[in-house]
N, C-alpha and C. Protein backbone atom coordinates (compact mmCIF):
# COMPACT_ATOMS: atom_id res chain seq x y z
N MET A 1 34.56 188.80 -129.45
CA MET A 1 36.13 188.48 -128.75
C MET A 1 36.98 188.99 -129.62
N ASP A 2 36.42 188.69 -131.05
CA ASP A 2 37.31 188.60 -132.20
C ASP A 2 37.88 189.80 -131.98
N GLN A 3 37.47 190.95 -131.93
CA GLN A 3 38.24 192.19 -131.96
C GLN A 3 38.80 192.69 -131.00
N PHE A 4 38.93 191.84 -129.60
CA PHE A 4 39.60 191.93 -128.75
C PHE A 4 40.75 191.17 -129.08
N ALA A 5 40.88 190.19 -129.87
CA ALA A 5 42.23 189.56 -130.06
C ALA A 5 42.70 189.96 -130.83
N ALA A 6 41.79 191.17 -131.93
CA ALA A 6 42.66 191.88 -133.23
C ALA A 6 43.08 193.11 -132.32
N LEU A 7 42.53 193.41 -131.35
CA LEU A 7 42.88 194.61 -130.72
C LEU A 7 44.45 194.45 -129.89
N THR A 8 44.50 193.28 -129.12
CA THR A 8 45.64 192.84 -128.58
C THR A 8 46.65 192.52 -129.60
N ASN A 9 46.68 192.06 -130.55
CA ASN A 9 47.53 191.71 -131.42
C ASN A 9 48.25 192.86 -132.07
N GLU A 10 46.94 193.95 -132.46
CA GLU A 10 47.64 195.39 -133.13
C GLU A 10 48.57 195.84 -131.83
N LEU A 11 48.09 195.98 -131.04
CA LEU A 11 49.46 196.46 -129.43
C LEU A 11 50.34 196.09 -129.07
N GLU A 12 50.59 194.19 -129.02
CA GLU A 12 51.48 193.72 -129.18
C GLU A 12 52.11 193.94 -130.56
N SER A 13 52.16 193.75 -132.03
CA SER A 13 52.62 193.66 -132.63
C SER A 13 53.56 195.77 -132.27
N ALA A 14 53.04 196.45 -132.38
CA ALA A 14 53.31 197.93 -132.13
C ALA A 14 54.26 197.86 -131.12
N GLY A 15 54.42 197.24 -130.08
CA GLY A 15 54.88 197.40 -128.84
C GLY A 15 54.79 198.41 -127.84
N VAL A 16 53.22 198.27 -127.88
CA VAL A 16 52.81 199.26 -126.74
C VAL A 16 51.86 198.40 -126.02
N PRO A 17 52.95 198.98 -124.56
CA PRO A 17 52.24 198.00 -123.15
C PRO A 17 51.26 198.12 -122.81
N HIS A 18 50.51 197.12 -122.37
CA HIS A 18 48.87 197.22 -122.31
C HIS A 18 48.86 196.01 -121.30
N GLU A 19 47.71 196.12 -120.78
CA GLU A 19 47.08 194.89 -120.04
C GLU A 19 45.32 194.74 -120.47
N MET A 20 44.89 193.45 -120.79
CA MET A 20 43.98 193.24 -121.46
C MET A 20 42.93 192.49 -120.44
N ILE A 21 41.99 192.89 -120.30
CA ILE A 21 41.26 192.01 -119.11
C ILE A 21 39.71 192.06 -119.59
N THR A 22 39.10 190.97 -119.43
CA THR A 22 38.04 190.34 -119.55
C THR A 22 36.87 189.78 -118.22
N TYR A 23 35.89 190.09 -118.21
CA TYR A 23 35.29 189.71 -116.97
C TYR A 23 34.08 188.66 -117.84
N SER A 24 34.30 187.25 -117.16
CA SER A 24 33.54 186.16 -117.47
C SER A 24 32.11 186.67 -117.26
N GLY A 25 31.08 186.74 -118.50
CA GLY A 25 29.98 186.75 -118.72
C GLY A 25 29.33 188.22 -118.56
N ALA A 26 30.36 189.31 -118.41
CA ALA A 26 29.82 190.75 -118.57
C ALA A 26 29.94 190.97 -119.17
N GLN A 27 29.01 191.88 -120.10
CA GLN A 27 28.77 192.77 -121.07
C GLN A 27 29.32 194.28 -120.98
N HIS A 28 29.42 194.66 -121.95
CA HIS A 28 30.05 196.40 -122.09
C HIS A 28 28.45 197.05 -121.18
N ALA A 29 29.22 197.62 -120.30
CA ALA A 29 28.58 199.10 -119.59
C ALA A 29 28.10 197.78 -118.23
N PHE A 30 28.74 196.95 -117.99
CA PHE A 30 28.46 195.90 -116.46
C PHE A 30 28.69 196.67 -115.64
N THR A 31 29.17 197.74 -115.95
CA THR A 31 29.72 198.33 -114.14
C THR A 31 28.39 199.56 -113.62
N VAL A 32 27.45 200.07 -114.66
CA VAL A 32 26.62 201.16 -114.50
C VAL A 32 25.31 200.43 -113.75
N PHE A 33 25.43 200.94 -112.18
CA PHE A 33 24.41 200.07 -111.48
C PHE A 33 23.00 200.58 -111.60
N GLY A 34 22.22 199.98 -111.90
CA GLY A 34 20.89 199.93 -111.78
C GLY A 34 20.67 199.64 -113.61
N GLY A 35 21.76 199.43 -114.02
CA GLY A 35 21.47 199.50 -115.24
C GLY A 35 21.06 197.68 -115.83
N SER A 36 20.45 197.62 -117.20
CA SER A 36 20.06 196.35 -117.60
C SER A 36 21.31 195.45 -117.39
N ARG A 37 22.19 195.69 -117.95
CA ARG A 37 23.87 194.99 -118.00
C ARG A 37 24.64 194.85 -116.77
N TYR A 38 24.02 195.30 -115.40
CA TYR A 38 24.41 195.63 -114.52
C TYR A 38 25.41 194.12 -113.63
N GLN A 39 26.75 193.51 -113.71
CA GLN A 39 26.99 192.87 -113.25
C GLN A 39 27.52 192.62 -111.66
N GLU A 40 27.01 192.48 -110.56
CA GLU A 40 27.30 192.86 -109.51
C GLU A 40 29.08 192.66 -109.31
N ALA A 41 29.03 191.03 -109.52
CA ALA A 41 30.24 190.55 -109.11
C ALA A 41 31.45 190.90 -109.79
N ALA A 42 31.31 191.09 -111.03
CA ALA A 42 32.16 191.63 -112.33
C ALA A 42 32.58 192.70 -111.82
N ASP A 43 31.79 194.02 -111.33
CA ASP A 43 32.14 195.36 -111.03
C ASP A 43 32.63 195.42 -109.89
N LYS A 44 32.53 194.41 -108.31
CA LYS A 44 33.49 194.53 -107.52
C LYS A 44 35.02 194.09 -108.09
N LYS A 45 34.81 192.98 -108.70
CA LYS A 45 36.19 192.82 -109.17
C LYS A 45 37.20 194.06 -109.97
N PHE A 46 35.87 194.50 -110.63
CA PHE A 46 36.74 195.71 -111.54
C PHE A 46 37.04 196.66 -110.50
N TRP A 47 36.47 197.11 -109.68
CA TRP A 47 36.73 198.51 -108.84
C TRP A 47 38.01 197.80 -107.63
N LYS A 48 38.35 196.56 -107.54
CA LYS A 48 39.39 195.75 -106.84
C LYS A 48 40.50 196.48 -107.68
N ARG A 49 40.76 196.34 -108.29
CA ARG A 49 41.90 196.39 -109.76
C ARG A 49 42.22 197.76 -109.66
């Protein structure tokens, strides 16, 4: 989350429009169906966006 916060700060400082979203408990690649990190609830929320 340190890198997430740092990126957010950099984008805001540069005036770059952005939206940062986290999915609680979901790791990188959480939408890869059948993968070891797949998180069904987070995947469904992701696709609704």
